[in-house]
N, C-alpha and C. Protein backbone atom coordinates (compact mmCIF):
# COMPACT_ATOMS: atom_id res chain seq x y z
N ALA A 1 13.08 -19.38 15.54
CA ALA A 1 12.59 -19.98 14.25
C ALA A 1 11.00 -19.71 14.25
N GLU A 2 10.40 -19.72 15.26
CA GLU A 2 8.91 -19.66 15.35
C GLU A 2 8.47 -18.29 14.84
N GLN A 3 9.11 -17.22 15.42
CA GLN A 3 8.95 -15.94 15.22
C GLN A 3 9.19 -15.41 13.67
N GLY A 4 10.31 -16.10 13.02
CA GLY A 4 10.70 -15.89 11.57
C GLY A 4 9.51 -16.31 10.95
N THR A 5 8.80 -17.54 11.23
CA THR A 5 7.70 -18.22 10.47
C THR A 5 6.51 -17.18 10.63
N GLU A 6 6.26 -16.65 11.77
CA GLU A 6 5.28 -15.73 11.91
C GLU A 6 5.40 -14.41 11.31
N GLY A 7 6.60 -13.92 10.96
CA GLY A 7 6.96 -12.82 10.27
C GLY A 7 6.88 -13.05 8.77
N GLU A 8 7.30 -14.35 8.34
CA GLU A 8 6.95 -14.80 7.04
C GLU A 8 5.62 -14.71 6.64
N LYS A 9 4.75 -15.35 7.52
CA LYS A 9 3.28 -15.44 7.22
C LYS A 9 2.74 -13.85 7.02
N LEU A 10 3.20 -13.00 7.98
CA LEU A 10 2.80 -11.80 7.98
C LEU A 10 3.20 -11.03 6.63
N ASN A 11 4.29 -11.25 6.11
CA ASN A 11 4.88 -10.84 4.89
C ASN A 11 3.84 -11.32 3.84
N GLN A 12 3.71 -12.64 3.78
CA GLN A 12 2.73 -13.11 2.66
C GLN A 12 1.54 -12.65 2.65
N LEU A 13 0.92 -12.47 3.82
CA LEU A 13 -0.41 -11.88 3.69
C LEU A 13 -0.34 -10.43 3.27
N ALA A 14 0.56 -9.68 3.77
CA ALA A 14 0.71 -8.16 3.20
C ALA A 14 0.83 -8.19 1.66
N VAL A 15 1.67 -9.18 1.07
CA VAL A 15 2.12 -9.27 -0.28
C VAL A 15 0.71 -9.68 -0.99
N SER A 16 -0.12 -10.73 -0.52
CA SER A 16 -1.44 -10.94 -0.98
C SER A 16 -2.35 -9.54 -1.08
N ALA A 17 -2.36 -9.03 0.06
CA ALA A 17 -3.23 -7.76 0.28
C ALA A 17 -2.64 -6.64 -0.93
N CYS A 18 -1.28 -6.82 -1.03
CA CYS A 18 -0.78 -5.56 -2.03
C CYS A 18 -1.53 -6.14 -3.57
N LEU A 19 -1.43 -7.58 -3.86
CA LEU A 19 -1.84 -8.00 -5.05
C LEU A 19 -3.26 -7.58 -5.26
N VAL A 20 -4.11 -7.79 -4.50
CA VAL A 20 -5.54 -7.52 -4.39
C VAL A 20 -5.69 -6.13 -4.50
N LEU A 21 -5.20 -5.33 -3.72
CA LEU A 21 -5.29 -3.96 -4.02
C LEU A 21 -4.80 -3.38 -5.43
N GLY A 22 -3.99 -4.02 -5.85
CA GLY A 22 -3.30 -3.33 -7.15
C GLY A 22 -4.30 -3.91 -8.25
N ASN A 23 -4.89 -5.12 -8.05
CA ASN A 23 -5.62 -5.46 -9.07
C ASN A 23 -7.16 -5.03 -9.28
N ILE A 24 -7.74 -4.79 -7.94
CA ILE A 24 -9.14 -4.06 -7.88
C ILE A 24 -8.94 -2.73 -8.13
N SER A 25 -7.83 -1.93 -7.95
CA SER A 25 -7.60 -0.58 -8.14
C SER A 25 -7.14 -0.37 -9.63
N GLY A 26 -6.87 -1.24 -10.44
CA GLY A 26 -6.15 -1.00 -11.75
C GLY A 26 -4.85 -0.43 -11.82
N ILE A 27 -4.11 -0.70 -10.80
CA ILE A 27 -2.78 -0.13 -10.72
C ILE A 27 -1.95 -0.97 -11.47
N TYR A 28 -2.21 -2.22 -11.55
CA TYR A 28 -1.41 -3.22 -12.44
C TYR A 28 -1.93 -3.52 -13.91
N LYS A 29 -2.74 -2.52 -14.30
CA LYS A 29 -3.21 -2.43 -15.59
C LYS A 29 -1.99 -1.79 -16.60
N GLY A 30 -2.00 -2.33 -17.83
CA GLY A 30 -1.09 -1.75 -18.69
C GLY A 30 -1.26 -0.12 -18.98
N GLN A 31 -0.42 0.44 -19.23
CA GLN A 31 -0.34 1.94 -19.70
C GLN A 31 -1.60 2.31 -20.52
N ASN A 32 -1.64 1.42 -21.61
CA ASN A 32 -2.88 1.64 -22.62
C ASN A 32 -4.05 1.31 -22.25
N GLU A 33 -4.24 0.56 -21.18
CA GLU A 33 -5.60 0.15 -20.75
C GLU A 33 -6.26 1.19 -19.93
N ALA A 34 -7.61 1.60 -20.24
CA ALA A 34 -8.33 2.58 -19.73
C ALA A 34 -8.72 2.16 -18.24
N LEU A 35 -8.80 3.03 -17.30
CA LEU A 35 -9.39 2.76 -15.86
C LEU A 35 -10.80 2.95 -15.92
N THR A 36 -11.38 2.14 -15.17
CA THR A 36 -12.83 2.48 -14.80
C THR A 36 -12.94 3.57 -13.92
N SER A 37 -14.23 4.36 -13.70
CA SER A 37 -14.43 5.12 -12.83
C SER A 37 -14.24 4.76 -11.29
N THR A 38 -14.61 3.51 -11.14
CA THR A 38 -14.16 3.02 -9.83
C THR A 38 -12.85 2.82 -9.65
N GLU A 39 -11.88 2.23 -10.68
CA GLU A 39 -10.57 2.22 -10.35
C GLU A 39 -10.06 3.48 -10.19
N GLU A 40 -10.41 4.63 -10.67
CA GLU A 40 -9.67 5.90 -10.57
C GLU A 40 -10.10 6.35 -9.22
N LYS A 41 -11.37 6.17 -8.68
CA LYS A 41 -11.71 6.63 -7.34
C LYS A 41 -10.80 5.79 -6.27
N PHE A 42 -10.65 4.60 -6.48
CA PHE A 42 -9.81 3.74 -5.68
C PHE A 42 -8.34 4.14 -5.70
N GLN A 43 -7.86 4.32 -6.76
CA GLN A 43 -6.43 4.85 -6.81
C GLN A 43 -6.25 6.31 -6.11
N LYS A 44 -7.21 7.16 -6.22
CA LYS A 44 -7.22 8.37 -5.49
C LYS A 44 -7.32 8.26 -4.00
N THR A 45 -7.96 7.27 -3.56
CA THR A 45 -8.16 6.87 -2.12
C THR A 45 -6.80 6.29 -1.66
N LEU A 46 -6.27 5.36 -2.53
CA LEU A 46 -4.92 4.83 -1.92
C LEU A 46 -3.76 5.71 -2.11
N GLU A 47 -3.89 6.81 -2.88
CA GLU A 47 -2.71 7.70 -3.05
C GLU A 47 -2.86 8.62 -1.66
N GLN A 48 -4.06 8.81 -1.12
CA GLN A 48 -4.36 9.58 0.07
C GLN A 48 -3.91 8.75 1.33
N LEU A 49 -4.04 7.56 1.34
CA LEU A 49 -3.63 6.80 2.37
C LEU A 49 -2.09 6.29 2.41
N LEU A 50 -1.64 6.10 0.99
CA LEU A 50 -0.12 5.51 0.98
C LEU A 50 0.97 6.59 0.53
N THR A 51 0.44 7.65 0.02
CA THR A 51 1.15 8.73 -0.61
C THR A 51 1.31 8.44 -2.15
N LYS A 52 1.61 9.57 -2.80
CA LYS A 52 1.65 9.49 -4.33
C LYS A 52 2.99 8.67 -4.62
N GLY A 53 4.10 9.10 -4.01
CA GLY A 53 5.26 8.14 -4.10
C GLY A 53 5.04 6.74 -4.04
N ASN A 54 4.49 6.22 -2.76
CA ASN A 54 4.45 5.04 -2.52
C ASN A 54 3.47 4.31 -3.76
N LEU A 55 2.28 4.80 -4.19
CA LEU A 55 1.54 4.59 -5.28
C LEU A 55 2.56 4.38 -6.53
N GLN A 56 3.37 5.17 -6.67
CA GLN A 56 4.11 5.04 -8.02
C GLN A 56 5.12 3.78 -7.75
N ARG A 57 5.64 3.65 -6.44
CA ARG A 57 6.51 2.43 -6.25
C ARG A 57 5.66 1.20 -6.40
N MET A 58 4.37 1.13 -6.07
CA MET A 58 3.43 -0.12 -6.10
C MET A 58 3.35 -0.45 -7.62
N ARG A 59 3.35 0.60 -8.39
CA ARG A 59 3.15 0.44 -9.94
C ARG A 59 4.43 -0.21 -10.50
N SER A 60 5.47 0.24 -9.90
CA SER A 60 6.65 -0.18 -10.60
C SER A 60 7.67 -1.26 -10.08
N GLU A 61 7.50 -1.62 -8.74
CA GLU A 61 8.18 -2.78 -7.95
C GLU A 61 7.32 -3.90 -7.81
N SER A 62 8.23 -5.11 -7.53
CA SER A 62 7.43 -6.17 -7.33
C SER A 62 6.56 -6.08 -5.91
N GLU A 63 5.47 -6.93 -5.97
CA GLU A 63 4.79 -6.65 -4.63
C GLU A 63 5.56 -7.02 -3.50
N PHE A 64 6.57 -8.15 -3.28
CA PHE A 64 7.20 -8.25 -2.14
C PHE A 64 8.40 -6.94 -1.93
N LYS A 65 9.00 -6.48 -2.97
CA LYS A 65 9.84 -5.31 -2.84
C LYS A 65 9.01 -4.05 -2.10
N PHE A 66 7.63 -3.88 -2.70
CA PHE A 66 6.86 -2.91 -2.44
C PHE A 66 6.61 -3.11 -0.84
N VAL A 67 6.14 -4.18 -0.38
CA VAL A 67 5.72 -4.39 0.93
C VAL A 67 6.93 -4.37 1.92
N THR A 68 8.02 -4.75 1.65
CA THR A 68 9.35 -4.72 2.53
C THR A 68 9.91 -3.12 2.52
N GLY A 69 9.50 -2.56 1.45
CA GLY A 69 9.87 -1.16 1.46
C GLY A 69 9.17 -0.23 2.16
N LEU A 70 7.87 -0.66 2.68
CA LEU A 70 6.89 0.13 3.47
C LEU A 70 7.44 0.39 4.82
N SER A 71 8.41 -0.35 5.23
CA SER A 71 9.24 -0.40 6.60
C SER A 71 10.41 0.46 6.47
N GLN A 72 10.66 1.10 5.19
CA GLN A 72 11.74 1.85 5.10
C GLN A 72 11.34 3.43 5.05
N THR A 73 12.12 4.40 5.13
CA THR A 73 12.00 5.83 5.27
C THR A 73 12.16 6.37 3.96
N TYR A 74 11.23 7.18 3.16
CA TYR A 74 11.36 7.88 1.95
C TYR A 74 10.95 9.12 2.08
N GLU A 75 11.96 10.01 1.56
CA GLU A 75 11.60 11.57 1.75
C GLU A 75 12.00 12.24 0.41
N SER A 76 11.00 12.66 -0.41
CA SER A 76 11.11 13.24 -1.69
C SER A 76 10.17 14.51 -1.85
N PRO A 77 10.50 15.36 -3.02
CA PRO A 77 9.69 16.34 -3.11
C PRO A 77 8.17 15.67 -3.40
N VAL A 78 8.02 14.38 -3.82
CA VAL A 78 6.86 13.86 -4.20
C VAL A 78 6.07 13.32 -3.17
N SER A 79 6.82 12.80 -1.99
CA SER A 79 6.13 12.32 -0.84
C SER A 79 7.22 11.91 0.29
N ILE A 80 6.45 11.95 1.55
CA ILE A 80 7.33 11.72 2.79
C ILE A 80 6.54 10.30 3.21
N TRP A 81 7.51 9.35 3.51
CA TRP A 81 6.97 8.29 4.13
C TRP A 81 7.99 7.62 5.19
N ASN A 82 7.62 7.93 6.51
CA ASN A 82 8.54 7.55 7.59
C ASN A 82 7.75 7.20 8.79
N GLU A 83 8.48 6.92 9.83
CA GLU A 83 7.68 6.34 10.97
C GLU A 83 6.48 7.26 11.32
N SER A 84 6.51 8.39 11.24
CA SER A 84 5.45 9.36 11.59
C SER A 84 4.26 8.97 10.79
N THR A 85 4.39 9.10 9.34
CA THR A 85 3.50 8.80 8.56
C THR A 85 2.93 7.33 8.55
N ARG A 86 3.85 6.27 8.72
CA ARG A 86 3.22 5.00 8.97
C ARG A 86 2.40 5.05 10.45
N ASN A 87 2.63 5.70 11.53
CA ASN A 87 1.95 5.63 12.64
C ASN A 87 0.50 6.40 12.12
N GLU A 88 0.57 7.43 11.68
CA GLU A 88 -0.60 8.14 11.33
C GLU A 88 -1.54 7.00 10.45
N LEU A 89 -1.05 6.47 9.56
CA LEU A 89 -1.95 5.66 8.77
C LEU A 89 -2.38 4.31 9.58
N ALA A 90 -1.66 3.94 10.64
CA ALA A 90 -1.93 2.86 11.38
C ALA A 90 -3.05 3.24 12.40
N GLN A 91 -2.93 4.43 12.95
CA GLN A 91 -3.87 5.26 13.80
C GLN A 91 -5.32 5.14 13.02
N PHE A 92 -5.22 5.77 11.76
CA PHE A 92 -6.52 5.89 10.90
C PHE A 92 -7.09 4.59 10.75
N ILE A 93 -6.44 3.55 10.42
CA ILE A 93 -6.94 2.48 10.31
C ILE A 93 -7.73 1.66 11.55
N ARG A 94 -6.92 1.88 12.60
CA ARG A 94 -7.44 1.48 14.11
C ARG A 94 -8.69 2.28 14.19
N ASP A 95 -8.82 3.54 14.10
CA ASP A 95 -10.00 4.33 14.32
C ASP A 95 -11.14 3.82 13.62
N ARG A 96 -10.84 3.61 12.06
CA ARG A 96 -11.88 3.27 11.31
C ARG A 96 -12.46 1.84 11.72
N ILE A 97 -11.60 0.79 12.15
CA ILE A 97 -11.94 -0.43 12.68
C ILE A 97 -12.99 -0.27 13.80
N GLN A 98 -12.46 0.47 14.86
CA GLN A 98 -13.28 0.78 15.96
C GLN A 98 -14.68 1.40 15.69
N LEU A 99 -14.68 2.16 14.63
CA LEU A 99 -15.82 2.73 14.28
C LEU A 99 -16.93 1.87 13.76
N HIS A 100 -16.46 0.70 13.08
CA HIS A 100 -17.40 -0.03 12.40
C HIS A 100 -17.51 -1.20 13.07
N GLN A 101 -17.08 -1.53 14.61
CA GLN A 101 -17.24 -2.43 15.25
C GLN A 101 -18.69 -2.54 16.05
């Protein structure tokens, strides 16, 4: 039960992080709302980190469904998201954290 609680906490943190990223990047803006130049840059960066397909999913799915979907494999003409790409992203993040410590 304790491990499930820890997993639930981590999922809630991930969902909260998704909400923050979606809001500061303008991903959750309506189609008729213009993006600021900062939001456009933020979205391009997220696209590089998460892939274009995952960014599209982030726009169209609930935060919880998006976060849980990140552990699944997607391969399409638009993007590839699998264990290898998840590992590459995790290593990139670890490298950036070490660089700034």
